[in-house]
Amino acid sequence: TAAGPAPYPRIVRDFQTIIGVEARAQIVAEEGRLP
């Protein structure tokens, strides 16, 4: 999880950011705007 000593919070965040990156592009494609 995105906790623990550095650099774990950053590493986990970076590997999980794919969720929001994909979702951002997908919802713009569906709605023409952000949520």
PDB file of all heavy atoms in Angstrom:
ATOM      1  N   THR A   1       0.828  -1.194   0.000  1.00  0.00           N
ATOM      2  CA  THR A   1       0.000   0.000   0.000  1.00  0.00           C
ATOM      3  C   THR A   1       0.869   1.254   0.000  1.00  0.00           C
ATOM      4  O   THR A   1       2.088   1.178   0.188  1.00  0.00           O
ATOM      5  CB  THR A   1      -0.974   0.003   1.195  1.00  0.00           C
ATOM      6  OG1 THR A   1      -1.980   0.990   0.970  1.00  0.00           O
ATOM      7  CG2 THR A   1      -0.266   0.265   2.515  1.00  0.00           C
ATOM      8  N   ALA A   2       0.232   2.411  -0.204  1.00  0.00           N
ATOM      9  CA  ALA A   2       0.971   3.661  -0.372  1.00  0.00           C
ATOM     10  C   ALA A   2       1.307   4.264   0.982  1.00  0.00           C
ATOM     11  O   ALA A   2       0.958   5.404   1.301  1.00  0.00           O
ATOM     12  CB  ALA A   2       0.152   4.634  -1.207  1.00  0.00           C
ATOM     13  N   ALA A   3       1.965   3.489   1.808  1.00  0.00           N
ATOM     14  CA  ALA A   3       2.353   3.880   3.160  1.00  0.00           C
ATOM     15  C   ALA A   3       3.772   3.384   3.393  1.00  0.00           C
ATOM     16  O   ALA A   3       4.488   3.055   2.454  1.00  0.00           O
ATOM     17  CB  ALA A   3       1.369   3.308   4.183  1.00  0.00           C
ATOM     18  N   GLY A   4       4.187   3.326   4.664  1.00  0.00           N
ATOM     19  CA  GLY A   4       5.520   2.847   4.986  1.00  0.00           C
ATOM     20  C   GLY A   4       6.584   3.892   4.728  1.00  0.00           C
ATOM     21  O   GLY A   4       6.313   5.036   4.354  1.00  0.00           O
ATOM     22  N   PRO A   5       7.859   3.518   4.948  1.00  0.00           N
ATOM     23  CA  PRO A   5       8.966   4.473   4.788  1.00  0.00           C
ATOM     24  C   PRO A   5       9.236   4.792   3.325  1.00  0.00           C
ATOM     25  O   PRO A   5       8.986   3.965   2.438  1.00  0.00           O
ATOM     26  CB  PRO A   5      10.148   3.721   5.413  1.00  0.00           C
ATOM     27  CG  PRO A   5       9.821   2.271   5.196  1.00  0.00           C
ATOM     28  CD  PRO A   5       8.329   2.173   5.346  1.00  0.00           C
ATOM     29  N   ALA A   6       9.752   5.976   3.057  1.00  0.00           N
ATOM     30  CA  ALA A   6      10.174   6.333   1.709  1.00  0.00           C
ATOM     31  C   ALA A   6      11.243   5.339   1.243  1.00  0.00           C
ATOM     32  O   ALA A   6      12.086   4.932   2.042  1.00  0.00           O
ATOM     33  CB  ALA A   6      10.730   7.752   1.698  1.00  0.00           C
ATOM     34  N   PRO A   7      11.188   4.890  -0.025  1.00  0.00           N
ATOM     35  CA  PRO A   7      10.387   5.436  -1.126  1.00  0.00           C
ATOM     36  C   PRO A   7       9.073   4.697  -1.401  1.00  0.00           C
ATOM     37  O   PRO A   7       8.485   4.890  -2.479  1.00  0.00           O
ATOM     38  CB  PRO A   7      11.331   5.269  -2.315  1.00  0.00           C
ATOM     39  CG  PRO A   7      12.031   3.962  -2.022  1.00  0.00           C
ATOM     40  CD  PRO A   7      12.226   3.948  -0.518  1.00  0.00           C
ATOM     41  N   TYR A   8       8.593   3.835  -0.493  1.00  0.00           N
ATOM     42  CA  TYR A   8       7.408   3.026  -0.804  1.00  0.00           C
ATOM     43  C   TYR A   8       6.167   3.836  -1.163  1.00  0.00           C
ATOM     44  O   TYR A   8       5.468   3.483  -2.129  1.00  0.00           O
ATOM     45  CB  TYR A   8       7.113   2.056   0.341  1.00  0.00           C
ATOM     46  CG  TYR A   8       7.989   0.829   0.319  1.00  0.00           C
ATOM     47  CD1 TYR A   8       8.976   0.642   1.277  1.00  0.00           C
ATOM     48  CD2 TYR A   8       7.836  -0.143  -0.667  1.00  0.00           C
ATOM     49  CE1 TYR A   8       9.797  -0.477   1.258  1.00  0.00           C
ATOM     50  CE2 TYR A   8       8.648  -1.270  -0.696  1.00  0.00           C
ATOM     51  CZ  TYR A   8       9.630  -1.436   0.269  1.00  0.00           C
ATOM     52  OH  TYR A   8      10.428  -2.543   0.241  1.00  0.00           O
ATOM     53  N   PRO A   9       5.825   4.910  -0.435  1.00  0.00           N
ATOM     54  CA  PRO A   9       4.599   5.625  -0.820  1.00  0.00           C
ATOM     55  C   PRO A   9       4.625   6.132  -2.264  1.00  0.00           C
ATOM     56  O   PRO A   9       3.609   6.094  -2.962  1.00  0.00           O
ATOM     57  CB  PRO A   9       4.555   6.788   0.176  1.00  0.00           C
ATOM     58  CG  PRO A   9       5.274   6.266   1.380  1.00  0.00           C
ATOM     59  CD  PRO A   9       6.401   5.456   0.816  1.00  0.00           C
ATOM     60  N   ARG A  10       5.794   6.591  -2.691  1.00  0.00           N
ATOM     61  CA  ARG A  10       5.912   7.075  -4.069  1.00  0.00           C
ATOM     62  C   ARG A  10       5.876   5.920  -5.067  1.00  0.00           C
ATOM     63  O   ARG A  10       5.194   5.999  -6.097  1.00  0.00           O
ATOM     64  CB  ARG A  10       7.209   7.851  -4.236  1.00  0.00           C
ATOM     65  CG  ARG A  10       7.433   8.361  -5.645  1.00  0.00           C
ATOM     66  CD  ARG A  10       8.834   8.895  -5.814  1.00  0.00           C
ATOM     67  NE  ARG A  10       9.030   9.461  -7.137  1.00  0.00           N
ATOM     68  CZ  ARG A  10      10.212   9.829  -7.597  1.00  0.00           C
ATOM     69  NH1 ARG A  10      11.287   9.701  -6.838  1.00  0.00           N
ATOM     70  NH2 ARG A  10      10.335  10.334  -8.810  1.00  0.00           N
ATOM     71  N   ILE A  11       6.606   4.845  -4.786  1.00  0.00           N
ATOM     72  CA  ILE A  11       6.656   3.714  -5.708  1.00  0.00           C
ATOM     73  C   ILE A  11       5.267   3.127  -5.917  1.00  0.00           C
ATOM     74  O   ILE A  11       4.823   2.905  -7.049  1.00  0.00           O
ATOM     75  CB  ILE A  11       7.634   2.635  -5.182  1.00  0.00           C
ATOM     76  CG1 ILE A  11       9.079   3.131  -5.287  1.00  0.00           C
ATOM     77  CG2 ILE A  11       7.466   1.332  -5.941  1.00  0.00           C
ATOM     78  CD1 ILE A  11      10.103   2.203  -4.659  1.00  0.00           C
ATOM     79  N   VAL A  12       4.575   2.877  -4.814  1.00  0.00           N
ATOM     80  CA  VAL A  12       3.232   2.284  -4.924  1.00  0.00           C
ATOM     81  C   VAL A  12       2.286   3.246  -5.632  1.00  0.00           C
ATOM     82  O   VAL A  12       1.504   2.846  -6.503  1.00  0.00           O
ATOM     83  CB  VAL A  12       2.697   1.891  -3.534  1.00  0.00           C
ATOM     84  CG1 VAL A  12       1.274   1.359  -3.633  1.00  0.00           C
ATOM     85  CG2 VAL A  12       3.615   0.839  -2.891  1.00  0.00           C
ATOM     86  N   ARG A  13       2.343   4.535  -5.271  1.00  0.00           N
ATOM     87  CA  ARG A  13       1.526   5.539  -5.948  1.00  0.00           C
ATOM     88  C   ARG A  13       1.762   5.527  -7.456  1.00  0.00           C
ATOM     89  O   ARG A  13       0.828   5.503  -8.266  1.00  0.00           O
ATOM     90  CB  ARG A  13       1.848   6.919  -5.365  1.00  0.00           C
ATOM     91  CG  ARG A  13       0.928   8.063  -5.771  1.00  0.00           C
ATOM     92  CD  ARG A  13       1.400   8.927  -6.940  1.00  0.00           C
ATOM     93  NE  ARG A  13       2.779   9.266  -7.075  1.00  0.00           N
ATOM     94  CZ  ARG A  13       3.382  10.359  -6.597  1.00  0.00           C
ATOM     95  NH1 ARG A  13       2.732  11.208  -5.830  1.00  0.00           N
ATOM     96  NH2 ARG A  13       4.647  10.591  -6.872  1.00  0.00           N
ATOM     97  N   ASP A  14       3.032   5.535  -7.847  1.00  0.00           N
ATOM     98  CA  ASP A  14       3.347   5.595  -9.267  1.00  0.00           C
ATOM     99  C   ASP A  14       2.840   4.367 -10.020  1.00  0.00           C
ATOM    100  O   ASP A  14       2.295   4.488 -11.125  1.00  0.00           O
ATOM    101  CB  ASP A  14       4.853   5.739  -9.466  1.00  0.00           C
ATOM    102  CG  ASP A  14       5.380   7.118  -9.094  1.00  0.00           C
ATOM    103  OD1 ASP A  14       4.559   8.011  -8.786  1.00  0.00           O
ATOM    104  OD2 ASP A  14       6.616   7.295  -9.107  1.00  0.00           O
ATOM    105  N   PHE A  15       2.998   3.185  -9.446  1.00  0.00           N
ATOM    106  CA  PHE A  15       2.529   1.977 -10.125  1.00  0.00           C
ATOM    107  C   PHE A  15       1.002   1.898 -10.155  1.00  0.00           C
ATOM    108  O   PHE A  15       0.431   1.266 -11.040  1.00  0.00           O
ATOM    109  CB  PHE A  15       3.114   0.727  -9.473  1.00  0.00           C
ATOM    110  CG  PHE A  15       4.576   0.502  -9.767  1.00  0.00           C
ATOM    111  CD1 PHE A  15       5.438   0.026  -8.775  1.00  0.00           C
ATOM    112  CD2 PHE A  15       5.110   0.762 -11.016  1.00  0.00           C
ATOM    113  CE1 PHE A  15       6.787  -0.181  -9.034  1.00  0.00           C
ATOM    114  CE2 PHE A  15       6.458   0.555 -11.289  1.00  0.00           C
ATOM    115  CZ  PHE A  15       7.298   0.086 -10.298  1.00  0.00           C
ATOM    116  N   GLN A  16       0.325   2.523  -9.182  1.00  0.00           N
ATOM    117  CA  GLN A  16      -1.140   2.491  -9.157  1.00  0.00           C
ATOM    118  C   GLN A  16      -1.784   3.647  -9.912  1.00  0.00           C
ATOM    119  O   GLN A  16      -2.996   3.597 -10.202  1.00  0.00           O
ATOM    120  CB  GLN A  16      -1.647   2.485  -7.713  1.00  0.00           C
ATOM    121  CG  GLN A  16      -1.329   1.221  -6.922  1.00  0.00           C
ATOM    122  CD  GLN A  16      -2.043  -0.022  -7.452  1.00  0.00           C
ATOM    123  OE1 GLN A  16      -2.772   0.016  -8.444  1.00  0.00           O
ATOM    124  NE2 GLN A  16      -1.840  -1.137  -6.779  1.00  0.00           N
ATOM    125  N   THR A  17      -1.016   4.656 -10.277  1.00  0.00           N
ATOM    126  CA  THR A  17      -1.587   5.810 -10.972  1.00  0.00           C
ATOM    127  C   THR A  17      -2.176   5.434 -12.326  1.00  0.00           C
ATOM    128  O   THR A  17      -3.001   6.166 -12.878  1.00  0.00           O
ATOM    129  CB  THR A  17      -0.523   6.920 -11.120  1.00  0.00           C
ATOM    130  OG1 THR A  17      -0.162   7.381  -9.818  1.00  0.00           O
ATOM    131  CG2 THR A  17      -1.027   8.101 -11.910  1.00  0.00           C
ATOM    132  N   ILE A  18      -1.820   4.272 -12.842  1.00  0.00           N
ATOM    133  CA  ILE A  18      -2.409   3.807 -14.091  1.00  0.00           C
ATOM    134  C   ILE A  18      -3.933   3.750 -14.000  1.00  0.00           C
ATOM    135  O   ILE A  18      -4.638   3.930 -14.994  1.00  0.00           O
ATOM    136  CB  ILE A  18      -1.828   2.429 -14.498  1.00  0.00           C
ATOM    137  CG1 ILE A  18      -2.206   2.099 -15.934  1.00  0.00           C
ATOM    138  CG2 ILE A  18      -2.257   1.330 -13.526  1.00  0.00           C
ATOM    139  CD1 ILE A  18      -1.470   0.900 -16.495  1.00  0.00           C
ATOM    140  N   ILE A  19      -4.462   3.533 -12.790  1.00  0.00           N
ATOM    141  CA  ILE A  19      -5.917   3.499 -12.604  1.00  0.00           C
ATOM    142  C   ILE A  19      -6.522   4.843 -13.012  1.00  0.00           C
ATOM    143  O   ILE A  19      -7.441   4.916 -13.846  1.00  0.00           O
ATOM    144  CB  ILE A  19      -6.289   3.193 -11.141  1.00  0.00           C
ATOM    145  CG1 ILE A  19      -5.703   1.875 -10.672  1.00  0.00           C
ATOM    146  CG2 ILE A  19      -7.816   3.209 -10.964  1.00  0.00           C
ATOM    147  CD1 ILE A  19      -5.850   1.651  -9.160  1.00  0.00           C
ATOM    148  N   GLY A  20      -6.031   5.925 -12.423  1.00  0.00           N
ATOM    149  CA  GLY A  20      -6.577   7.245 -12.708  1.00  0.00           C
ATOM    150  C   GLY A  20      -6.252   7.741 -14.101  1.00  0.00           C
ATOM    151  O   GLY A  20      -7.076   8.418 -14.728  1.00  0.00           O
ATOM    152  N   VAL A  21      -5.061   7.412 -14.608  1.00  0.00           N
ATOM    153  CA  VAL A  21      -4.685   7.830 -15.961  1.00  0.00           C
ATOM    154  C   VAL A  21      -5.634   7.218 -16.983  1.00  0.00           C
ATOM    155  O   VAL A  21      -6.157   7.910 -17.874  1.00  0.00           O
ATOM    156  CB  VAL A  21      -3.224   7.448 -16.256  1.00  0.00           C
ATOM    157  CG1 VAL A  21      -2.904   7.613 -17.738  1.00  0.00           C
ATOM    158  CG2 VAL A  21      -2.271   8.288 -15.408  1.00  0.00           C
ATOM    159  N   GLU A  22      -5.876   5.911 -16.853  1.00  0.00           N
ATOM    160  CA  GLU A  22      -6.811   5.248 -17.767  1.00  0.00           C
ATOM    161  C   GLU A  22      -8.219   5.817 -17.612  1.00  0.00           C
ATOM    162  O   GLU A  22      -8.900   6.122 -18.598  1.00  0.00           O
ATOM    163  CB  GLU A  22      -6.844   3.742 -17.495  1.00  0.00           C
ATOM    164  CG  GLU A  22      -5.640   2.991 -17.968  1.00  0.00           C
ATOM    165  CD  GLU A  22      -5.745   1.499 -17.667  1.00  0.00           C
ATOM    166  OE1 GLU A  22      -6.781   1.050 -17.109  1.00  0.00           O
ATOM    167  OE2 GLU A  22      -4.786   0.774 -17.992  1.00  0.00           O
ATOM    168  N   ALA A  23      -8.672   5.944 -16.371  1.00  0.00           N
ATOM    169  CA  ALA A  23     -10.041   6.399 -16.120  1.00  0.00           C
ATOM    170  C   ALA A  23     -10.260   7.810 -16.656  1.00  0.00           C
ATOM    171  O   ALA A  23     -11.335   8.113 -17.194  1.00  0.00           O
ATOM    172  CB  ALA A  23     -10.347   6.341 -14.628  1.00  0.00           C
ATOM    173  N   ARG A  24      -9.274   8.660 -16.514  1.00  0.00           N
ATOM    174  CA  ARG A  24      -9.377  10.037 -17.010  1.00  0.00           C
ATOM    175  C   ARG A  24      -9.608  10.042 -18.518  1.00  0.00           C
ATOM    176  O   ARG A  24     -10.519  10.727 -19.023  1.00  0.00           O
ATOM    177  CB  ARG A  24      -8.109  10.803 -16.644  1.00  0.00           C
ATOM    178  CG  ARG A  24      -8.148  12.282 -16.967  1.00  0.00           C
ATOM    179  CD  ARG A  24      -6.807  12.935 -16.635  1.00  0.00           C
ATOM    180  NE  ARG A  24      -6.829  14.337 -16.987  1.00  0.00           N
ATOM    181  CZ  ARG A  24      -7.076  15.326 -16.138  1.00  0.00           C
ATOM    182  NH1 ARG A  24      -7.312  15.062 -14.861  1.00  0.00           N
ATOM    183  NH2 ARG A  24      -7.090  16.583 -16.542  1.00  0.00           N
ATOM    184  N   ALA A  25      -8.798   9.293 -19.245  1.00  0.00           N
ATOM    185  CA  ALA A  25      -8.953   9.237 -20.703  1.00  0.00           C
ATOM    186  C   ALA A  25     -10.275   8.592 -21.095  1.00  0.00           C
ATOM    187  O   ALA A  25     -10.953   9.042 -22.029  1.00  0.00           O
ATOM    188  CB  ALA A  25      -7.780   8.474 -21.318  1.00  0.00           C
ATOM    189  N   GLN A  26     -10.657   7.532 -20.373  1.00  0.00           N
ATOM    190  CA  GLN A  26     -11.875   6.811 -20.722  1.00  0.00           C
ATOM    191  C   GLN A  26     -13.134   7.649 -20.504  1.00  0.00           C
ATOM    192  O   GLN A  26     -14.054   7.637 -21.324  1.00  0.00           O
ATOM    193  CB  GLN A  26     -11.958   5.516 -19.903  1.00  0.00           C
ATOM    194  CG  GLN A  26     -10.944   4.463 -20.329  1.00  0.00           C
ATOM    195  CD  GLN A  26     -10.853   3.310 -19.327  1.00  0.00           C
ATOM    196  OE1 GLN A  26     -10.926   3.523 -18.116  1.00  0.00           O
ATOM    197  NE2 GLN A  26     -10.694   2.095 -19.824  1.00  0.00           N
ATOM    198  N   ILE A  27     -13.188   8.389 -19.396  1.00  0.00           N
ATOM    199  CA  ILE A  27     -14.406   9.157 -19.119  1.00  0.00           C
ATOM    200  C   ILE A  27     -14.507  10.374 -20.034  1.00  0.00           C
ATOM    201  O   ILE A  27     -15.613  10.772 -20.424  1.00  0.00           O
ATOM    202  CB  ILE A  27     -14.496   9.543 -17.627  1.00  0.00           C
ATOM    203  CG1 ILE A  27     -15.977   9.754 -17.248  1.00  0.00           C
ATOM    204  CG2 ILE A  27     -13.639  10.751 -17.288  1.00  0.00           C
ATOM    205  CD1 ILE A  27     -16.255   9.651 -15.774  1.00  0.00           C
ATOM    206  N   VAL A  28     -13.378  10.943 -20.428  1.00  0.00           N
ATOM    207  CA  VAL A  28     -13.408  12.023 -21.415  1.00  0.00           C
ATOM    208  C   VAL A  28     -13.920  11.487 -22.754  1.00  0.00           C
ATOM    209  O   VAL A  28     -14.710  12.146 -23.442  1.00  0.00           O
ATOM    210  CB  VAL A  28     -12.019  12.677 -21.550  1.00  0.00           C
ATOM    211  CG1 VAL A  28     -11.960  13.585 -22.771  1.00  0.00           C
ATOM    212  CG2 VAL A  28     -11.683  13.474 -20.292  1.00  0.00           C
ATOM    213  N   ALA A  29     -13.499  10.276 -23.117  1.00  0.00           N
ATOM    214  CA  ALA A  29     -13.990   9.673 -24.361  1.00  0.00           C
ATOM    215  C   ALA A  29     -15.491   9.430 -24.312  1.00  0.00           C
ATOM    216  O   ALA A  29     -16.193   9.584 -25.323  1.00  0.00           O
ATOM    217  CB  ALA A  29     -13.251   8.367 -24.626  1.00  0.00           C
ATOM    218  N   GLU A  30     -16.011   9.060 -23.124  1.00  0.00           N
ATOM    219  CA  GLU A  30     -17.442   8.774 -22.980  1.00  0.00           C
ATOM    220  C   GLU A  30     -18.278  10.037 -22.845  1.00  0.00           C
ATOM    221  O   GLU A  30     -19.365  10.144 -23.421  1.00  0.00           O
ATOM    222  CB  GLU A  30     -17.668   7.895 -21.742  1.00  0.00           C
ATOM    223  CG  GLU A  30     -17.158   6.476 -21.869  1.00  0.00           C
ATOM    224  CD  GLU A  30     -18.009   5.642 -22.816  1.00  0.00           C
ATOM    225  OE1 GLU A  30     -19.220   5.910 -22.935  1.00  0.00           O
ATOM    226  OE2 GLU A  30     -17.442   4.731 -23.436  1.00  0.00           O
ATOM    227  N   GLU A  31     -17.816  10.996 -22.053  1.00  0.00           N
ATOM    228  CA  GLU A  31     -18.632  12.148 -21.668  1.00  0.00           C
ATOM    229  C   GLU A  31     -18.187  13.475 -22.294  1.00  0.00           C
ATOM    230  O   GLU A  31     -18.916  14.458 -22.227  1.00  0.00           O
ATOM    231  CB  GLU A  31     -18.627  12.302 -20.142  1.00  0.00           C
ATOM    232  CG  GLU A  31     -19.379  11.212 -19.409  1.00  0.00           C
ATOM    233  CD  GLU A  31     -20.886  11.300 -19.640  1.00  0.00           C
ATOM    234  OE1 GLU A  31     -21.417  12.428 -19.756  1.00  0.00           O
ATOM    235  OE2 GLU A  31     -21.523  10.236 -19.717  1.00  0.00           O
ATOM    236  N   GLY A  32     -16.987  13.498 -22.846  1.00  0.00           N
ATOM    237  CA  GLY A  32     -16.473  14.746 -23.385  1.00  0.00           C
ATOM    238  C   GLY A  32     -16.005  15.716 -22.312  1.00  0.00           C
ATOM    239  O   GLY A  32     -15.689  16.879 -22.602  1.00  0.00           O
ATOM    240  N   ARG A  33     -15.937  15.234 -21.094  1.00  0.00           N
ATOM    241  CA  ARG A  33     -15.481  16.079 -19.986  1.00  0.00           C
ATOM    242  C   ARG A  33     -15.027  15.200 -18.832  1.00  0.00           C
ATOM    243  O   ARG A  33     -15.218  13.984 -18.842  1.00  0.00           O
ATOM    244  CB  ARG A  33     -16.578  17.030 -19.528  1.00  0.00           C
ATOM    245  CG  ARG A  33     -17.760  16.364 -18.799  1.00  0.00           C
ATOM    246  CD  ARG A  33     -18.726  17.434 -18.342  1.00  0.00           C
ATOM    247  NE  ARG A  33     -19.860  16.955 -17.569  1.00  0.00           N
ATOM    248  CZ  ARG A  33     -19.892  16.865 -16.239  1.00  0.00           C
ATOM    249  NH1 ARG A  33     -18.805  17.155 -15.519  1.00  0.00           N
ATOM    250  NH2 ARG A  33     -20.978  16.481 -15.603  1.00  0.00           N
ATOM    251  N   LEU A  34     -14.457  15.835 -17.809  1.00  0.00           N
ATOM    252  CA  LEU A  34     -14.014  15.127 -16.625  1.00  0.00           C
ATOM    253  C   LEU A  34     -15.180  14.934 -15.651  1.00  0.00           C
ATOM    254  O   LEU A  34     -16.198  15.623 -15.745  1.00  0.00           O
ATOM    255  CB  LEU A  34     -12.879  15.893 -15.946  1.00  0.00           C
ATOM    256  CG  LEU A  34     -11.586  16.016 -16.758  1.00  0.00           C
ATOM    257  CD1 LEU A  34     -10.591  16.916 -16.046  1.00  0.00           C
ATOM    258  CD2 LEU A  34     -10.979  14.651 -17.032  1.00  0.00           C
ATOM    259  N   PRO A  35     -15.046  14.017 -14.697  1.00  0.00           N
ATOM    260  CA  PRO A  35     -16.136  13.789 -13.741  1.00  0.00           C
ATOM    261  C   PRO A  35     -16.257  14.925 -12.743  1.00  0.00           C
ATOM    262  O   PRO A  35     -15.344  15.733 -12.570  1.00  0.00           O
ATOM    263  CB  PRO A  35     -15.708  12.492 -13.047  1.00  0.00           C
ATOM    264  CG  PRO A  35     -14.212  12.499 -13.138  1.00  0.00           C
ATOM    265  CD  PRO A  35     -13.903  13.110 -14.471  1.00  0.00           C
TER     266      PRO A  35
END
